[in-house]
Amino acid sequence: MTSKMNVVHIENDTYFSNRLKNAVENHPNSYYSEIPKSDIEDSTSLTGTFLYVFDFKTATEIEAQLKQLTEINKYCFTVVYDAPTSITTSDLIKLGRLKGYLFSNTSSEDISFAINALLCGDSSLPLSISNQLIEYYQSLIIRFSEPYNINLTQREIQVLERLRLGLSNNKLADELFVSEHTVKSHLYKIFKKIKVSNRTQAIAWTHKYLP
């Protein structure tokens, strides 16, 4: 990370804004600004280290802009406050390159501690959120590592997806509009490719490696 930290508060919340502004002004090499969410796209051409701070409600309204910001600048990080204690992983990863996540019931003392940590370049993520993100990215590594990167055809993947549901060969044939003989042929080829010897092992493989 670069030495200069640009802290940008999106959609001014007076109470949080005052606390954030005071903390930034008292921290060396940190610069504070406020912008409406309509101006986010103008920030995509800027360079440097940026910490975009916004509440959770705003986050749900600027998903596309966040995606663009984080794709263009690898030193663009996000901090979300007034956030729910429970959130799906699919919603969590839409929050950009997440550096801070403050629950709506976070105490004033903990907010101050979190802001100072962020200005020093550290993360401020609750353990539950950190674990959620770690599990997600670990699953990506598993899914797209060598075991998954096997030359399975689209039809073979369809067979495995239905096999995972516990369908019999007869049901598989009905679902895919093919003969039972064709299903057996697909399974034979699949078993060889993924290096398993029976349906139970194949089902275990799909749970581990298929999305």
Protein backbone atom coordinates (compact mmCIF):
# COMPACT_ATOMS: atom_id res chain seq x y z
CA MET A 1 0.00 0.00 0.00
CA THR A 2 1.11 3.57 -0.62
CA SER A 3 1.76 6.01 2.25
CA LYS A 4 -1.10 8.38 1.42
CA MET A 5 -4.56 7.23 2.49
CA ASN A 6 -7.54 8.90 0.79
CA VAL A 7 -10.62 8.35 2.92
CA VAL A 8 -13.82 8.95 0.97
CA HIS A 9 -17.14 8.98 2.82
CA ILE A 10 -20.07 8.26 0.52
CA GLU A 11 -23.52 9.65 1.30
CA ASN A 12 -22.83 11.80 4.34
CA ASP A 13 -24.16 10.55 7.65
CA THR A 14 -23.48 13.49 9.97
CA TYR A 15 -22.78 11.51 13.14
CA PHE A 16 -20.44 9.01 11.53
CA SER A 17 -18.98 11.64 9.22
CA ASN A 18 -17.85 13.86 12.10
CA ARG A 19 -16.14 10.99 13.88
CA LEU A 20 -14.45 9.80 10.73
CA LYS A 21 -13.33 13.28 9.71
CA ASN A 22 -11.83 14.02 13.13
CA ALA A 23 -9.93 10.73 13.13
CA VAL A 24 -8.55 11.30 9.64
CA GLU A 25 -7.48 14.87 10.35
CA ASN A 26 -5.54 13.66 13.39
CA HIS A 27 -3.81 10.92 11.44
CA PRO A 28 -0.67 11.65 9.37
CA ASN A 29 -0.82 11.12 5.59
CA SER A 30 -4.61 10.65 5.61
CA TYR A 31 -6.98 12.86 3.65
CA TYR A 32 -10.73 13.11 4.07
CA SER A 33 -13.47 13.90 1.54
CA GLU A 34 -17.19 13.37 1.14
CA ILE A 35 -19.04 12.62 -2.08
CA PRO A 36 -22.61 11.69 -3.02
CA LYS A 37 -23.04 8.22 -4.48
CA SER A 38 -23.78 9.78 -7.87
CA ASP A 39 -20.12 10.90 -8.07
CA ILE A 40 -18.53 7.51 -7.47
CA GLU A 41 -17.93 6.83 -11.15
CA ASP A 42 -15.79 9.97 -11.36
CA SER A 43 -13.40 8.33 -8.90
CA THR A 44 -12.49 5.44 -11.19
CA SER A 45 -9.73 7.43 -12.91
CA LEU A 46 -7.99 8.37 -9.66
CA THR A 47 -4.82 6.63 -8.47
CA GLY A 48 -3.52 5.99 -4.98
CA THR A 49 -4.83 4.18 -1.92
CA PHE A 50 -8.51 4.77 -1.30
CA LEU A 51 -10.72 3.78 1.59
CA TYR A 52 -14.37 4.16 0.59
CA VAL A 53 -16.67 4.32 3.61
CA PHE A 54 -20.44 3.92 3.38
CA ASP A 55 -23.37 2.46 5.24
CA PHE A 56 -24.89 -0.89 4.33
CA LYS A 57 -27.99 0.62 2.74
CA THR A 58 -25.82 2.65 0.36
CA ALA A 59 -23.75 -0.45 -0.40
CA THR A 60 -26.80 -2.24 -1.78
CA GLU A 61 -27.40 0.69 -4.15
CA ILE A 62 -23.89 1.00 -5.61
CA GLU A 63 -22.91 -2.62 -6.38
CA ALA A 64 -21.95 -1.91 -10.00
CA GLN A 65 -19.80 1.09 -9.09
CA LEU A 66 -18.03 -0.85 -6.34
CA LYS A 67 -17.21 -3.63 -8.76
CA GLN A 68 -15.76 -1.13 -11.23
CA LEU A 69 -13.71 0.67 -8.58
CA THR A 70 -12.10 -2.46 -7.19
CA GLU A 71 -11.36 -3.89 -10.63
CA ILE A 72 -9.56 -0.73 -11.78
CA ASN A 73 -7.53 0.04 -8.64
CA LYS A 74 -6.12 -2.79 -6.52
CA TYR A 75 -5.53 -0.25 -3.75
CA CYS A 76 -9.22 0.59 -3.49
CA PHE A 77 -10.73 -0.78 -0.26
CA THR A 78 -14.17 -0.57 1.27
CA VAL A 79 -15.55 -0.11 4.76
CA VAL A 80 -19.21 -0.73 5.56
CA TYR A 81 -20.96 0.48 8.72
CA ASP A 82 -24.49 0.02 10.08
CA ALA A 83 -24.14 -3.50 8.69
CA PRO A 84 -26.25 -6.54 9.64
CA THR A 85 -24.72 -9.20 11.88
CA SER A 86 -25.87 -11.90 9.47
CA ILE A 87 -25.30 -11.68 5.72
CA THR A 88 -25.17 -14.21 2.90
CA THR A 89 -21.80 -14.82 1.29
CA SER A 90 -23.18 -13.82 -2.11
CA ASP A 91 -24.09 -10.39 -0.68
CA LEU A 92 -20.84 -10.11 1.26
CA ILE A 93 -18.61 -10.43 -1.79
CA LYS A 94 -20.53 -7.64 -3.52
CA LEU A 95 -19.15 -5.15 -0.99
CA GLY A 96 -15.88 -4.71 -2.87
CA ARG A 97 -12.38 -5.28 -1.50
CA LEU A 98 -13.66 -5.30 2.06
CA LYS A 99 -11.36 -3.85 4.72
CA GLY A 100 -13.84 -3.01 7.44
CA TYR A 101 -17.29 -4.24 8.46
CA LEU A 102 -19.00 -2.55 11.40
CA PHE A 103 -22.22 -3.98 12.77
CA SER A 104 -25.13 -1.63 13.40
CA ASN A 105 -24.80 -2.39 17.13
CA THR A 106 -21.04 -1.69 17.26
CA SER A 107 -20.21 0.49 20.28
CA SER A 108 -18.79 3.99 19.90
CA GLU A 109 -15.54 2.85 21.49
CA ASP A 110 -15.18 -0.04 19.04
CA ILE A 111 -15.96 2.24 16.10
CA SER A 112 -13.14 4.58 17.13
CA PHE A 113 -10.77 1.64 17.53
CA ALA A 114 -11.75 0.29 14.11
CA ILE A 115 -11.27 3.65 12.37
CA ASN A 116 -7.79 4.05 13.85
CA ALA A 117 -6.84 0.52 12.82
CA LEU A 118 -8.04 1.14 9.26
CA LEU A 119 -6.08 4.40 9.00
CA CYS A 120 -2.96 2.45 9.99
CA GLY A 121 -3.55 0.08 7.09
CA ASP A 122 -5.00 -2.77 9.12
CA SER A 123 -8.29 -4.55 8.56
CA SER A 124 -11.25 -4.34 10.91
CA LEU A 125 -13.42 -7.34 10.17
CA PRO A 126 -15.42 -9.30 12.77
CA LEU A 127 -14.26 -12.90 13.15
CA SER A 128 -17.52 -14.25 11.72
CA ILE A 129 -17.14 -12.12 8.57
CA SER A 130 -13.46 -13.02 8.17
CA ASN A 131 -14.26 -16.73 8.47
CA GLN A 132 -17.07 -16.39 5.95
CA LEU A 133 -14.75 -14.78 3.41
CA ILE A 134 -11.96 -17.29 4.05
CA GLU A 135 -14.31 -20.22 3.53
CA TYR A 136 -15.58 -18.68 0.29
CA TYR A 137 -12.13 -18.09 -1.20
CA GLN A 138 -10.93 -21.51 -0.06
CA SER A 139 -13.86 -23.06 -1.90
CA LEU A 140 -12.84 -21.17 -5.04
CA ILE A 141 -9.31 -22.54 -4.79
CA ILE A 142 -10.65 -26.06 -4.41
CA ARG A 143 -13.15 -25.74 -7.24
CA PHE A 144 -10.71 -24.32 -9.76
CA SER A 145 -7.62 -26.27 -8.78
CA GLU A 146 -6.42 -29.33 -10.68
CA PRO A 147 -9.17 -31.80 -9.60
CA TYR A 148 -11.87 -29.53 -10.98
CA ASN A 149 -9.94 -28.50 -14.07
CA ILE A 150 -10.74 -31.79 -15.77
CA ASN A 151 -12.00 -31.98 -19.30
CA LEU A 152 -15.60 -32.81 -18.45
CA THR A 153 -18.17 -32.16 -21.14
CA GLN A 154 -21.26 -30.10 -20.39
CA ARG A 155 -23.36 -33.27 -20.56
CA GLU A 156 -21.05 -35.05 -18.10
CA ILE A 157 -21.36 -32.14 -15.67
CA GLN A 158 -25.15 -32.36 -16.01
CA VAL A 159 -24.97 -36.06 -15.18
CA LEU A 160 -22.82 -35.37 -12.10
CA GLU A 161 -25.13 -32.60 -10.91
CA ARG A 162 -28.08 -34.99 -10.99
CA LEU A 163 -26.07 -37.85 -9.57
CA ARG A 164 -25.33 -35.60 -6.58
CA LEU A 165 -29.10 -35.44 -5.97
CA GLY A 166 -29.17 -39.22 -5.61
CA LEU A 167 -31.02 -39.98 -8.84
CA SER A 168 -30.96 -43.55 -10.16
CA ASN A 169 -29.78 -44.32 -13.68
CA ASN A 170 -33.40 -44.59 -14.75
CA LYS A 171 -34.24 -41.17 -13.31
CA LEU A 172 -31.08 -39.69 -14.82
CA ALA A 173 -32.16 -40.97 -18.22
CA ASP A 174 -35.60 -39.41 -17.83
CA GLU A 175 -34.16 -36.06 -16.70
CA LEU A 176 -31.70 -35.87 -19.58
CA PHE A 177 -34.00 -37.41 -22.24
CA VAL A 178 -31.54 -40.18 -23.08
CA SER A 179 -31.49 -43.94 -22.73
CA GLU A 180 -30.31 -45.69 -19.60
CA HIS A 181 -27.52 -47.22 -21.68
CA THR A 182 -26.30 -43.73 -22.55
CA VAL A 183 -26.32 -42.76 -18.89
CA LYS A 184 -24.18 -45.80 -18.04
CA SER A 185 -21.77 -44.83 -20.81
CA HIS A 186 -21.49 -41.30 -19.43
CA LEU A 187 -20.88 -42.59 -15.92
CA TYR A 188 -18.14 -44.96 -17.12
CA LYS A 189 -16.29 -42.07 -18.82
CA ILE A 190 -16.84 -39.74 -15.87
CA PHE A 191 -15.53 -42.26 -13.34
CA LYS A 192 -12.34 -42.64 -15.37
CA LYS A 193 -11.84 -38.87 -15.68
CA ILE A 194 -12.33 -38.07 -12.00
CA LYS A 195 -10.59 -41.26 -10.87
CA VAL A 196 -13.32 -42.85 -8.80
CA SER A 197 -14.66 -46.39 -8.88
CA ASN A 198 -18.29 -46.09 -7.79
CA ARG A 199 -21.30 -43.80 -7.41
CA THR A 200 -20.65 -43.05 -3.75
CA GLN A 201 -17.15 -41.77 -4.52
CA ALA A 202 -18.46 -39.81 -7.50
CA ILE A 203 -21.12 -38.13 -5.34
CA ALA A 204 -18.49 -37.23 -2.73
CA TRP A 205 -16.35 -35.73 -5.54
CA THR A 206 -19.23 -33.56 -6.76
CA HIS A 207 -19.91 -32.21 -3.26
CA LYS A 208 -16.26 -31.24 -2.93
CA TYR A 209 -15.48 -29.88 -6.38
CA LEU A 210 -18.64 -28.85 -8.21
CA PRO A 211 -20.12 -25.39 -7.46
